[in-house]
Amino acid sequence: MKRLSIILGLLFVASVGFGQTKKAKIMTTAQCNMCKKTIEKAVNSMEGIEMAELDVTSKKLHVKFNSDKLDLQAIREKVASVGYQADDVKAKEEAYNALPPCCQLGGHD
């Protein structure tokens, strides 16, 4: 019984130390696989991101992140900083203008 209590105590301490994992979807203006690569690379480089994957067809970025280290708004702002809109956060103009033509709005029309 004492062993069980120790094990449960250690599991509790370990779970508290790892923080809260959250999942979210962010709507982007991504259009192609180059967009996918750019966004995923930027977001996956952030401390606290466990996984970021963009579905180009739906334009949705699926993220898993540690909410003790990062919030959803910071992720949106990271996407905007590389030239893409993220939900209601507008793309940074300079970054957007530096994107290849195929990654800009209408680039695949």
PDB file of N, CA and C in Angstrom:
ATOM      1  N   MET A   1       0.827  -1.200   0.000  1.00  0.00           N
ATOM      2  CA  MET A   1       0.000   0.000   0.000  1.00  0.00           C
ATOM      3  C   MET A   1       0.870   1.262   0.000  1.00  0.00           C
ATOM      4  N   LYS A   2       1.946   1.227   0.769  1.00  0.00           N
ATOM      5  CA  LYS A   2       2.831   2.386   0.830  1.00  0.00           C
ATOM      6  C   LYS A   2       3.473   2.635  -0.537  1.00  0.00           C
ATOM      7  N   ARG A   3       3.833   1.560  -1.218  1.00  0.00           N
ATOM      8  CA  ARG A   3       4.419   1.680  -2.555  1.00  0.00           C
ATOM      9  C   ARG A   3       3.437   2.321  -3.531  1.00  0.00           C
ATOM     10  N   LEU A   4       2.195   1.909  -3.453  1.00  0.00           N
ATOM     11  CA  LEU A   4       1.164   2.454  -4.328  1.00  0.00           C
ATOM     12  C   LEU A   4       1.009   3.959  -4.094  1.00  0.00           C
ATOM     13  N   SER A   5       1.025   4.378  -2.840  1.00  0.00           N
ATOM     14  CA  SER A   5       0.913   5.802  -2.512  1.00  0.00           C
ATOM     15  C   SER A   5       2.093   6.586  -3.069  1.00  0.00           C
ATOM     16  N   ILE A   6       3.284   6.028  -2.970  1.00  0.00           N
ATOM     17  CA  ILE A   6       4.477   6.687  -3.494  1.00  0.00           C
ATOM     18  C   ILE A   6       4.389   6.808  -5.010  1.00  0.00           C
ATOM     19  N   ILE A   7       3.990   5.741  -5.665  1.00  0.00           N
ATOM     20  CA  ILE A   7       3.866   5.753  -7.123  1.00  0.00           C
ATOM     21  C   ILE A   7       2.829   6.783  -7.570  1.00  0.00           C
ATOM     22  N   LEU A   8       1.682   6.801  -6.914  1.00  0.00           N
ATOM     23  CA  LEU A   8       0.641   7.771  -7.269  1.00  0.00           C
ATOM     24  C   LEU A   8       1.122   9.196  -7.023  1.00  0.00           C
ATOM     25  N   GLY A   9       1.850   9.405  -5.948  1.00  0.00           N
ATOM     26  CA  GLY A   9       2.405  10.731  -5.654  1.00  0.00           C
ATOM     27  C   GLY A   9       3.375  11.177  -6.725  1.00  0.00           C
ATOM     28  N   LEU A  10       4.252  10.279  -7.161  1.00  0.00           N
ATOM     29  CA  LEU A  10       5.212  10.607  -8.212  1.00  0.00           C
ATOM     30  C   LEU A  10       4.519  10.904  -9.534  1.00  0.00           C
ATOM     31  N   LEU A  11       3.487  10.141  -9.849  1.00  0.00           N
ATOM     32  CA  LEU A  11       2.733  10.393 -11.078  1.00  0.00           C
ATOM     33  C   LEU A  11       2.062  11.763 -11.037  1.00  0.00           C
ATOM     34  N   PHE A  12       1.526  12.130  -9.883  1.00  0.00           N
ATOM     35  CA  PHE A  12       0.894  13.442  -9.741  1.00  0.00           C
ATOM     36  C   PHE A  12       1.910  14.561  -9.940  1.00  0.00           C
ATOM     37  N   VAL A  13       3.038  14.443  -9.285  1.00  0.00           N
ATOM     38  CA  VAL A  13       4.089  15.459  -9.409  1.00  0.00           C
ATOM     39  C   VAL A  13       4.555  15.560 -10.859  1.00  0.00           C
ATOM     40  N   ALA A  14       4.720  14.429 -11.528  1.00  0.00           N
ATOM     41  CA  ALA A  14       5.168  14.425 -12.922  1.00  0.00           C
ATOM     42  C   ALA A  14       4.135  15.093 -13.820  1.00  0.00           C
ATOM     43  N   SER A  15       2.855  14.834 -13.598  1.00  0.00           N
ATOM     44  CA  SER A  15       1.828  15.424 -14.449  1.00  0.00           C
ATOM     45  C   SER A  15       1.729  16.930 -14.244  1.00  0.00           C
ATOM     46  N   VAL A  16       1.938  17.404 -13.025  1.00  0.00           N
ATOM     47  CA  VAL A  16       1.917  18.839 -12.756  1.00  0.00           C
ATOM     48  C   VAL A  16       3.113  19.510 -13.421  1.00  0.00           C
ATOM     49  N   GLY A  17       4.253  18.860 -13.413  1.00  0.00           N
ATOM     50  CA  GLY A  17       5.465  19.425 -13.982  1.00  0.00           C
ATOM     51  C   GLY A  17       5.434  19.562 -15.488  1.00  0.00           C
ATOM     52  N   PHE A  18       4.599  18.803 -16.176  1.00  0.00           N
ATOM     53  CA  PHE A  18       4.561  18.845 -17.630  1.00  0.00           C
ATOM     54  C   PHE A  18       3.572  19.858 -18.185  1.00  0.00           C
ATOM     55  N   GLY A  19       2.797  20.495 -17.339  1.00  0.00           N
ATOM     56  CA  GLY A  19       1.885  21.531 -17.799  1.00  0.00           C
ATOM     57  C   GLY A  19       0.667  20.973 -18.499  1.00  0.00           C
ATOM     58  N   GLN A  20      -0.117  21.872 -19.024  1.00  0.00           N
ATOM     59  CA  GLN A  20      -1.381  21.528 -19.653  1.00  0.00           C
ATOM     60  C   GLN A  20      -1.228  21.504 -21.169  1.00  0.00           C
ATOM     61  N   THR A  21      -1.524  20.366 -21.786  1.00  0.00           N
ATOM     62  CA  THR A  21      -1.508  20.273 -23.247  1.00  0.00           C
ATOM     63  C   THR A  21      -2.882  20.641 -23.777  1.00  0.00           C
ATOM     64  N   LYS A  22      -2.900  21.574 -24.722  1.00  0.00           N
ATOM     65  CA  LYS A  22      -4.146  21.983 -25.364  1.00  0.00           C
ATOM     66  C   LYS A  22      -4.032  21.746 -26.858  1.00  0.00           C
ATOM     67  N   LYS A  23      -5.190  21.569 -27.485  1.00  0.00           N
ATOM     68  CA  LYS A  23      -5.273  21.427 -28.932  1.00  0.00           C
ATOM     69  C   LYS A  23      -6.106  22.581 -29.467  1.00  0.00           C
ATOM     70  N   ALA A  24      -5.755  23.034 -30.668  1.00  0.00           N
ATOM     71  CA  ALA A  24      -6.523  24.107 -31.297  1.00  0.00           C
ATOM     72  C   ALA A  24      -6.380  24.024 -32.808  1.00  0.00           C
ATOM     73  N   LYS A  25      -7.294  24.684 -33.501  1.00  0.00           N
ATOM     74  CA  LYS A  25      -7.235  24.828 -34.956  1.00  0.00           C
ATOM     75  C   LYS A  25      -7.237  26.305 -35.267  1.00  0.00           C
ATOM     76  N   ILE A  26      -6.350  26.690 -36.170  1.00  0.00           N
ATOM     77  CA  ILE A  26      -6.227  28.079 -36.583  1.00  0.00           C
ATOM     78  C   ILE A  26      -6.459  28.142 -38.094  1.00  0.00           C
ATOM     79  N   MET A  27      -7.382  28.984 -38.513  1.00  0.00           N
ATOM     80  CA  MET A  27      -7.652  29.174 -39.936  1.00  0.00           C
ATOM     81  C   MET A  27      -6.585  30.095 -40.517  1.00  0.00           C
ATOM     82  N   THR A  28      -5.967  29.681 -41.618  1.00  0.00           N
ATOM     83  CA  THR A  28      -4.892  30.453 -42.248  1.00  0.00           C
ATOM     84  C   THR A  28      -5.272  30.816 -43.680  1.00  0.00           C
ATOM     85  N   THR A  29      -4.386  31.553 -44.317  1.00  0.00           N
ATOM     86  CA  THR A  29      -4.552  31.879 -45.734  1.00  0.00           C
ATOM     87  C   THR A  29      -3.572  31.074 -46.592  1.00  0.00           C
ATOM     88  N   ALA A  30      -3.101  29.962 -46.076  1.00  0.00           N
ATOM     89  CA  ALA A  30      -2.167  29.101 -46.809  1.00  0.00           C
ATOM     90  C   ALA A  30      -2.820  28.573 -48.076  1.00  0.00           C
ATOM     91  N   GLN A  31      -1.981  28.373 -49.120  1.00  0.00           N
ATOM     92  CA  GLN A  31      -2.518  27.927 -50.403  1.00  0.00           C
ATOM     93  C   GLN A  31      -1.832  26.704 -50.994  1.00  0.00           C
ATOM     94  N   CYS A  32      -0.601  26.435 -50.580  1.00  0.00           N
ATOM     95  CA  CYS A  32       0.130  25.357 -51.232  1.00  0.00           C
ATOM     96  C   CYS A  32       1.095  24.685 -50.254  1.00  0.00           C
ATOM     97  N   ASN A  33       1.837  23.723 -50.755  1.00  0.00           N
ATOM     98  CA  ASN A  33       2.781  23.002 -49.899  1.00  0.00           C
ATOM     99  C   ASN A  33       3.954  23.866 -49.451  1.00  0.00           C
ATOM    100  N   MET A  34       4.290  24.907 -50.211  1.00  0.00           N
ATOM    101  CA  MET A  34       5.331  25.837 -49.748  1.00  0.00           C
ATOM    102  C   MET A  34       4.820  26.600 -48.522  1.00  0.00           C
ATOM    103  N   CYS A  35       3.550  26.979 -48.558  1.00  0.00           N
ATOM    104  CA  CYS A  35       2.929  27.647 -47.410  1.00  0.00           C
ATOM    105  C   CYS A  35       2.972  26.710 -46.203  1.00  0.00           C
ATOM    106  N   LYS A  36       2.605  25.476 -46.434  1.00  0.00           N
ATOM    107  CA  LYS A  36       2.594  24.464 -45.374  1.00  0.00           C
ATOM    108  C   LYS A  36       3.966  24.368 -44.715  1.00  0.00           C
ATOM    109  N   LYS A  37       4.989  24.266 -45.537  1.00  0.00           N
ATOM    110  CA  LYS A  37       6.356  24.127 -45.023  1.00  0.00           C
ATOM    111  C   LYS A  37       6.761  25.355 -44.207  1.00  0.00           C
ATOM    112  N   THR A  38       6.458  26.534 -44.712  1.00  0.00           N
ATOM    113  CA  THR A  38       6.829  27.784 -44.031  1.00  0.00           C
ATOM    114  C   THR A  38       6.131  27.902 -42.675  1.00  0.00           C
ATOM    115  N   ILE A  39       4.835  27.667 -42.660  1.00  0.00           N
ATOM    116  CA  ILE A  39       4.062  27.810 -41.424  1.00  0.00           C
ATOM    117  C   ILE A  39       4.460  26.753 -40.402  1.00  0.00           C
ATOM    118  N   GLU A  40       4.530  25.505 -40.838  1.00  0.00           N
ATOM    119  CA  GLU A  40       4.891  24.434 -39.898  1.00  0.00           C
ATOM    120  C   GLU A  40       6.282  24.642 -39.305  1.00  0.00           C
ATOM    121  N   LYS A  41       7.227  25.058 -40.128  1.00  0.00           N
ATOM    122  CA  LYS A  41       8.584  25.288 -39.632  1.00  0.00           C
ATOM    123  C   LYS A  41       8.589  26.396 -38.576  1.00  0.00           C
ATOM    124  N   ALA A  42       7.898  27.479 -38.853  1.00  0.00           N
ATOM    125  CA  ALA A  42       7.860  28.609 -37.922  1.00  0.00           C
ATOM    126  C   ALA A  42       7.197  28.214 -36.599  1.00  0.00           C
ATOM    127  N   VAL A  43       6.056  27.583 -36.677  1.00  0.00           N
ATOM    128  CA  VAL A  43       5.311  27.263 -35.458  1.00  0.00           C
ATOM    129  C   VAL A  43       5.991  26.144 -34.677  1.00  0.00           C
ATOM    130  N   ASN A  44       6.483  25.123 -35.371  1.00  0.00           N
ATOM    131  CA  ASN A  44       7.147  24.021 -34.661  1.00  0.00           C
ATOM    132  C   ASN A  44       8.440  24.461 -33.972  1.00  0.00           C
ATOM    133  N   SER A  45       8.985  25.608 -34.353  1.00  0.00           N
ATOM    134  CA  SER A  45      10.206  26.101 -33.716  1.00  0.00           C
ATOM    135  C   SER A  45       9.928  26.806 -32.384  1.00  0.00           C
ATOM    136  N   MET A  46       8.666  27.048 -32.083  1.00  0.00           N
ATOM    137  CA  MET A  46       8.300  27.771 -30.859  1.00  0.00           C
ATOM    138  C   MET A  46       8.397  26.865 -29.635  1.00  0.00           C
ATOM    139  N   GLU A  47       8.942  27.408 -28.558  1.00  0.00           N
ATOM    140  CA  GLU A  47       8.999  26.652 -27.305  1.00  0.00           C
ATOM    141  C   GLU A  47       7.574  26.460 -26.787  1.00  0.00           C
ATOM    142  N   GLY A  48       7.247  25.219 -26.469  1.00  0.00           N
ATOM    143  CA  GLY A  48       5.911  24.906 -25.973  1.00  0.00           C
ATOM    144  C   GLY A  48       5.026  24.227 -27.003  1.00  0.00           C
ATOM    145  N   ILE A  49       5.453  24.223 -28.267  1.00  0.00           N
ATOM    146  CA  ILE A  49       4.685  23.531 -29.310  1.00  0.00           C
ATOM    147  C   ILE A  49       5.036  22.055 -29.275  1.00  0.00           C
ATOM    148  N   GLU A  50       4.026  21.224 -29.195  1.00  0.00           N
ATOM    149  CA  GLU A  50       4.234  19.779 -29.262  1.00  0.00           C
ATOM    150  C   GLU A  50       4.068  19.271 -30.686  1.00  0.00           C
ATOM    151  N   MET A  51       3.154  19.915 -31.437  1.00  0.00           N
ATOM    152  CA  MET A  51       2.903  19.504 -32.810  1.00  0.00           C
ATOM    153  C   MET A  51       2.159  20.615 -33.524  1.00  0.00           C
ATOM    154  N   ALA A  52       2.555  20.896 -34.748  1.00  0.00           N
ATOM    155  CA  ALA A  52       1.825  21.827 -35.612  1.00  0.00           C
ATOM    156  C   ALA A  52       1.791  21.219 -37.002  1.00  0.00           C
ATOM    157  N   GLU A  53       0.598  21.050 -37.532  1.00  0.00           N
ATOM    158  CA  GLU A  53       0.445  20.455 -38.865  1.00  0.00           C
ATOM    159  C   GLU A  53      -0.657  21.189 -39.616  1.00  0.00           C
ATOM    160  N   LEU A  54      -0.326  21.616 -40.823  1.00  0.00           N
ATOM    161  CA  LEU A  54      -1.270  22.356 -41.646  1.00  0.00           C
ATOM    162  C   LEU A  54      -1.924  21.438 -42.667  1.00  0.00           C
ATOM    163  N   ASP A  55      -3.236  21.488 -42.740  1.00  0.00           N
ATOM    164  CA  ASP A  55      -3.993  20.808 -43.788  1.00  0.00           C
ATOM    165  C   ASP A  55      -4.235  21.851 -44.880  1.00  0.00           C
ATOM    166  N   VAL A  56      -3.526  21.731 -45.989  1.00  0.00           N
ATOM    167  CA  VAL A  56      -3.587  22.734 -47.049  1.00  0.00           C
ATOM    168  C   VAL A  56      -4.999  22.830 -47.637  1.00  0.00           C
ATOM    169  N   THR A  57      -5.690  21.717 -47.769  1.00  0.00           N
ATOM    170  CA  THR A  57      -7.025  21.724 -48.363  1.00  0.00           C
ATOM    171  C   THR A  57      -8.000  22.572 -47.546  1.00  0.00           C
ATOM    172  N   SER A  58      -8.007  22.394 -46.237  1.00  0.00           N
ATOM    173  CA  SER A  58      -8.918  23.154 -45.373  1.00  0.00           C
ATOM    174  C   SER A  58      -8.322  24.478 -44.912  1.00  0.00           C
ATOM    175  N   LYS A  59      -6.987  24.634 -45.088  1.00  0.00           N
ATOM    176  CA  LYS A  59      -6.228  25.809 -44.656  1.00  0.00           C
ATOM    177  C   LYS A  59      -6.165  25.928 -43.131  1.00  0.00           C
ATOM    178  N   LYS A  60      -6.426  24.826 -42.430  1.00  0.00           N
ATOM    179  CA  LYS A  60      -6.429  24.842 -40.970  1.00  0.00           C
ATOM    180  C   LYS A  60      -5.115  24.290 -40.420  1.00  0.00           C
ATOM    181  N   LEU A  61      -4.565  25.039 -39.481  1.00  0.00           N
ATOM    182  CA  LEU A  61      -3.367  24.623 -38.772  1.00  0.00           C
ATOM    183  C   LEU A  61      -3.809  23.957 -37.481  1.00  0.00           C
ATOM    184  N   HIS A  62      -3.454  22.693 -37.320  1.00  0.00           N
ATOM    185  CA  HIS A  62      -3.774  21.934 -36.111  1.00  0.00           C
ATOM    186  C   HIS A  62      -2.552  22.002 -35.204  1.00  0.00           C
ATOM    187  N   VAL A  63      -2.763  22.460 -33.975  1.00  0.00           N
ATOM    188  CA  VAL A  63      -1.648  22.593 -33.046  1.00  0.00           C
ATOM    189  C   VAL A  63      -1.953  21.904 -31.719  1.00  0.00           C
ATOM    190  N   LYS A  64      -0.897  21.356 -31.132  1.00  0.00           N
ATOM    191  CA  LYS A  64      -0.900  20.876 -29.750  1.00  0.00           C
ATOM    192  C   LYS A  64       0.187  21.665 -29.062  1.00  0.00           C
ATOM    193  N   PHE A  65      -0.142  22.266 -27.917  1.00  0.00           N
ATOM    194  CA  PHE A  65       0.841  23.111 -27.252  1.00  0.00           C
ATOM    195  C   PHE A  65       0.684  23.068 -25.739  1.00  0.00           C
ATOM    196  N   ASN A  66       1.762  23.414 -25.065  1.00  0.00           N
ATOM    197  CA  ASN A  66       1.782  23.483 -23.614  1.00  0.00           C
ATOM    198  C   ASN A  66       1.317  24.877 -23.223  1.00  0.00           C
ATOM    199  N   SER A  67       0.141  24.952 -22.620  1.00  0.00           N
ATOM    200  CA  SER A  67      -0.438  26.263 -22.299  1.00  0.00           C
ATOM    201  C   SER A  67       0.264  26.957 -21.140  1.00  0.00           C
ATOM    202  N   ASP A  68       1.152  26.264 -20.441  1.00  0.00           N
ATOM    203  CA  ASP A  68       1.954  26.917 -19.395  1.00  0.00           C
ATOM    204  C   ASP A  68       3.086  27.735 -20.019  1.00  0.00           C
ATOM    205  N   LYS A  69       3.469  27.398 -21.256  1.00  0.00           N
ATOM    206  CA  LYS A  69       4.595  28.066 -21.914  1.00  0.00           C
ATOM    207  C   LYS A  69       4.159  28.996 -23.041  1.00  0.00           C
ATOM    208  N   LEU A  70       2.930  28.822 -23.525  1.00  0.00           N
ATOM    209  CA  LEU A  70       2.519  29.467 -24.764  1.00  0.00           C
ATOM    210  C   LEU A  70       1.012  29.628 -24.772  1.00  0.00           C
ATOM    211  N   ASP A  71       0.525  30.692 -25.385  1.00  0.00           N
ATOM    212  CA  ASP A  71      -0.921  30.805 -25.557  1.00  0.00           C
ATOM    213  C   ASP A  71      -1.260  30.842 -27.051  1.00  0.00           C
ATOM    214  N   LEU A  72      -2.528  30.655 -27.334  1.00  0.00           N
ATOM    215  CA  LEU A  72      -2.975  30.560 -28.718  1.00  0.00           C
ATOM    216  C   LEU A  72      -2.710  31.848 -29.498  1.00  0.00           C
ATOM    217  N   GLN A  73      -2.830  32.980 -28.852  1.00  0.00           N
ATOM    218  CA  GLN A  73      -2.588  34.251 -29.529  1.00  0.00           C
ATOM    219  C   GLN A  73      -1.140  34.356 -30.016  1.00  0.00           C
ATOM    220  N   ALA A  74      -0.199  33.862 -29.223  1.00  0.00           N
ATOM    221  CA  ALA A  74       1.216  33.889 -29.633  1.00  0.00           C
ATOM    222  C   ALA A  74       1.433  33.033 -30.874  1.00  0.00           C
ATOM    223  N   ILE A  75       0.711  31.933 -30.974  1.00  0.00           N
ATOM    224  CA  ILE A  75       0.824  31.058 -32.150  1.00  0.00           C
ATOM    225  C   ILE A  75       0.264  31.782 -33.372  1.00  0.00           C
ATOM    226  N   ARG A  76      -0.888  32.415 -33.205  1.00  0.00           N
ATOM    227  CA  ARG A  76      -1.464  33.191 -34.314  1.00  0.00           C
ATOM    228  C   ARG A  76      -0.488  34.267 -34.788  1.00  0.00           C
ATOM    229  N   GLU A  77       0.119  34.965 -33.841  1.00  0.00           N
ATOM    230  CA  GLU A  77       1.058  36.030 -34.190  1.00  0.00           C
ATOM    231  C   GLU A  77       2.297  35.489 -34.898  1.00  0.00           C
ATOM    232  N   LYS A  78       2.725  34.289 -34.548  1.00  0.00           N
ATOM    233  CA  LYS A  78       3.867  33.665 -35.232  1.00  0.00           C
ATOM    234  C   LYS A  78       3.506  33.387 -36.692  1.00  0.00           C
ATOM    235  N   VAL A  79       2.308  32.863 -36.920  1.00  0.00           N
ATOM    236  CA  VAL A  79       1.853  32.604 -38.293  1.00  0.00           C
ATOM    237  C   VAL A  79       1.808  33.919 -39.074  1.00  0.00           C
ATOM    238  N   ALA A  80       1.280  34.967 -38.458  1.00  0.00           N
ATOM    239  CA  ALA A  80       1.199  36.275 -39.114  1.00  0.00           C
ATOM    240  C   ALA A  80       2.586  36.840 -39.418  1.00  0.00           C
ATOM    241  N   SER A  81       3.548  36.520 -38.557  1.00  0.00           N
ATOM    242  CA  SER A  81       4.907  37.066 -38.739  1.00  0.00           C
ATOM    243  C   SER A  81       5.619  36.479 -39.949  1.00  0.00           C
ATOM    244  N   VAL A  82       5.135  35.336 -40.454  1.00  0.00           N
ATOM    245  CA  VAL A  82       5.748  34.752 -41.649  1.00  0.00           C
ATOM    246  C   VAL A  82       4.905  35.004 -42.908  1.00  0.00           C
ATOM    247  N   GLY A  83       3.857  35.862 -42.770  1.00  0.00           N
ATOM    248  CA  GLY A  83       3.138  36.325 -43.948  1.00  0.00           C
ATOM    249  C   GLY A  83       1.742  35.785 -44.185  1.00  0.00           C
ATOM    250  N   TYR A  84       1.170  35.103 -43.220  1.00  0.00           N
ATOM    251  CA  TYR A  84      -0.148  34.504 -43.408  1.00  0.00           C
ATOM    252  C   TYR A  84      -1.117  35.008 -42.350  1.00  0.00           C
ATOM    253  N   GLN A  85      -2.375  35.169 -42.741  1.00  0.00           N
ATOM    254  CA  GLN A  85      -3.394  35.512 -41.753  1.00  0.00           C
ATOM    255  C   GLN A  85      -3.652  34.281 -40.891  1.00  0.00           C
ATOM    256  N   ALA A  86      -3.931  34.507 -39.612  1.00  0.00           N
ATOM    257  CA  ALA A  86      -4.213  33.417 -38.677  1.00  0.00           C
ATOM    258  C   ALA A  86      -5.447  33.800 -37.874  1.00  0.00           C
ATOM    259  N   ASP A  87      -6.580  33.178 -38.195  1.00  0.00           N
ATOM    260  CA  ASP A  87      -7.873  33.568 -37.632  1.00  0.00           C
ATOM    261  C   ASP A  87      -8.060  35.058 -37.904  1.00  0.00           C
ATOM    262  N   ASP A  88      -8.185  35.868 -36.874  1.00  0.00           N
ATOM    263  CA  ASP A  88      -8.422  37.305 -37.079  1.00  0.00           C
ATOM    264  C   ASP A  88      -7.141  38.147 -37.021  1.00  0.00           C
ATOM    265  N   VAL A  89      -5.993  37.497 -36.917  1.00  0.00           N
ATOM    266  CA  VAL A  89      -4.716  38.216 -36.880  1.00  0.00           C
ATOM    267  C   VAL A  89      -4.203  38.364 -38.312  1.00  0.00           C
ATOM    268  N   LYS A  90      -4.086  39.603 -38.743  1.00  0.00           N
ATOM    269  CA  LYS A  90      -3.653  39.880 -40.116  1.00  0.00           C
ATOM    270  C   LYS A  90      -2.172  39.570 -40.309  1.00  0.00           C
ATOM    271  N   ALA A  91      -1.841  39.130 -41.508  1.00  0.00           N
ATOM    272  CA  ALA A  91      -0.447  38.851 -41.872  1.00  0.00           C
ATOM    273  C   ALA A  91       0.368  40.131 -41.792  1.00  0.00           C
ATOM    274  N   LYS A  92       1.617  40.007 -41.382  1.00  0.00           N
ATOM    275  CA  LYS A  92       2.527  41.150 -41.382  1.00  0.00           C
ATOM    276  C   LYS A  92       2.809  41.506 -42.841  1.00  0.00           C
ATOM    277  N   GLU A  93       2.585  42.750 -43.201  1.00  0.00           N
ATOM    278  CA  GLU A  93       2.660  43.179 -44.599  1.00  0.00           C
ATOM    279  C   GLU A  93       4.021  42.889 -45.226  1.00  0.00           C
ATOM    280  N   GLU A  94       5.086  43.198 -44.525  1.00  0.00           N
ATOM    281  CA  GLU A  94       6.427  42.981 -45.071  1.00  0.00           C
ATOM    282  C   GLU A  94       6.684  41.494 -45.338  1.00  0.00           C
ATOM    283  N   ALA A  95       6.254  40.649 -44.418  1.00  0.00           N
ATOM    284  CA  ALA A  95       6.439  39.201 -44.591  1.00  0.00           C
ATOM    285  C   ALA A  95       5.568  38.684 -45.738  1.00  0.00           C
ATOM    286  N   TYR A  96       4.326  39.172 -45.812  1.00  0.00           N
ATOM    287  CA  TYR A  96       3.429  38.773 -46.898  1.00  0.00           C
ATOM    288  C   TYR A  96       4.024  39.150 -48.252  1.00  0.00           C
ATOM    289  N   ASN A  97       4.523  40.364 -48.368  1.00  0.00           N
ATOM    290  CA  ASN A  97       5.095  40.834 -49.638  1.00  0.00           C
ATOM    291  C   ASN A  97       6.339  40.045 -50.037  1.00  0.00           C
ATOM    292  N   ALA A  98       7.014  39.439 -49.074  1.00  0.00           N
ATOM    293  CA  ALA A  98       8.213  38.647 -49.358  1.00  0.00           C
ATOM    294  C   ALA A  98       7.892  37.203 -49.755  1.00  0.00           C
ATOM    295  N   LEU A  99       6.631  36.808 -49.609  1.00  0.00           N
ATOM    296  CA  LEU A  99       6.253  35.437 -49.984  1.00  0.00           C
ATOM    297  C   LEU A  99       6.346  35.259 -51.497  1.00  0.00           C
ATOM    298  N   PRO A 100       6.624  34.020 -51.943  1.00  0.00           N
ATOM    299  CA  PRO A 100       6.585  33.758 -53.381  1.00  0.00           C
ATOM    300  C   PRO A 100       5.169  34.038 -53.914  1.00  0.00           C
ATOM    301  N   PRO A 101       5.028  34.414 -55.178  1.00  0.00           N
ATOM    302  CA  PRO A 101       3.703  34.722 -55.736  1.00  0.00           C
ATOM    303  C   PRO A 101       2.668  33.608 -55.531  1.00  0.00           C
ATOM    304  N   CYS A 102       3.113  32.360 -55.566  1.00  0.00           N
ATOM    305  CA  CYS A 102       2.154  31.259 -55.402  1.00  0.00           C
ATOM    306  C   CYS A 102       1.591  31.198 -53.993  1.00  0.00           C
ATOM    307  N   CYS A 103       2.265  31.804 -53.032  1.00  0.00           N
ATOM    308  CA  CYS A 103       1.803  31.776 -51.632  1.00  0.00           C
ATOM    309  C   CYS A 103       0.980  32.999 -51.274  1.00  0.00           C
ATOM    310  N   GLN A 104       0.909  33.979 -52.160  1.00  0.00           N
ATOM    311  CA  GLN A 104       0.084  35.148 -51.917  1.00  0.00           C
ATOM    312  C   GLN A 104      -1.340  34.863 -52.371  1.00  0.00           C
ATOM    313  N   LEU A 105      -2.279  35.593 -51.810  1.00  0.00           N
ATOM    314  CA  LEU A 105      -3.692  35.371 -52.149  1.00  0.00           C
ATOM    315  C   LEU A 105      -3.900  35.473 -53.648  1.00  0.00           C
ATOM    316  N   GLY A 106      -4.597  34.503 -54.197  1.00  0.00           N
ATOM    317  CA  GLY A 106      -4.845  34.455 -55.637  1.00  0.00           C
ATOM    318  C   GLY A 106      -3.706  33.839 -56.432  1.00  0.00           C
ATOM    319  N   GLY A 107      -2.666  33.409 -55.761  1.00  0.00           N
ATOM    320  CA  GLY A 107      -1.498  32.853 -56.443  1.00  0.00           C
ATOM    321  C   GLY A 107      -1.746  31.534 -57.149  1.00  0.00           C
ATOM    322  N   HIS A 108      -2.866  30.901 -56.845  1.00  0.00           N
ATOM    323  CA  HIS A 108      -3.190  29.624 -57.489  1.00  0.00           C
ATOM    324  C   HIS A 108      -4.484  29.707 -58.314  1.00  0.00           C
ATOM    325  N   ASP A 109      -4.880  30.927 -58.638  1.00  0.00           N
ATOM    326  CA  ASP A 109      -6.106  31.098 -59.449  1.00  0.00           C
ATOM    327  C   ASP A 109      -5.803  30.966 -60.922  1.00  0.00           C
TER     328      ASP A 109
END
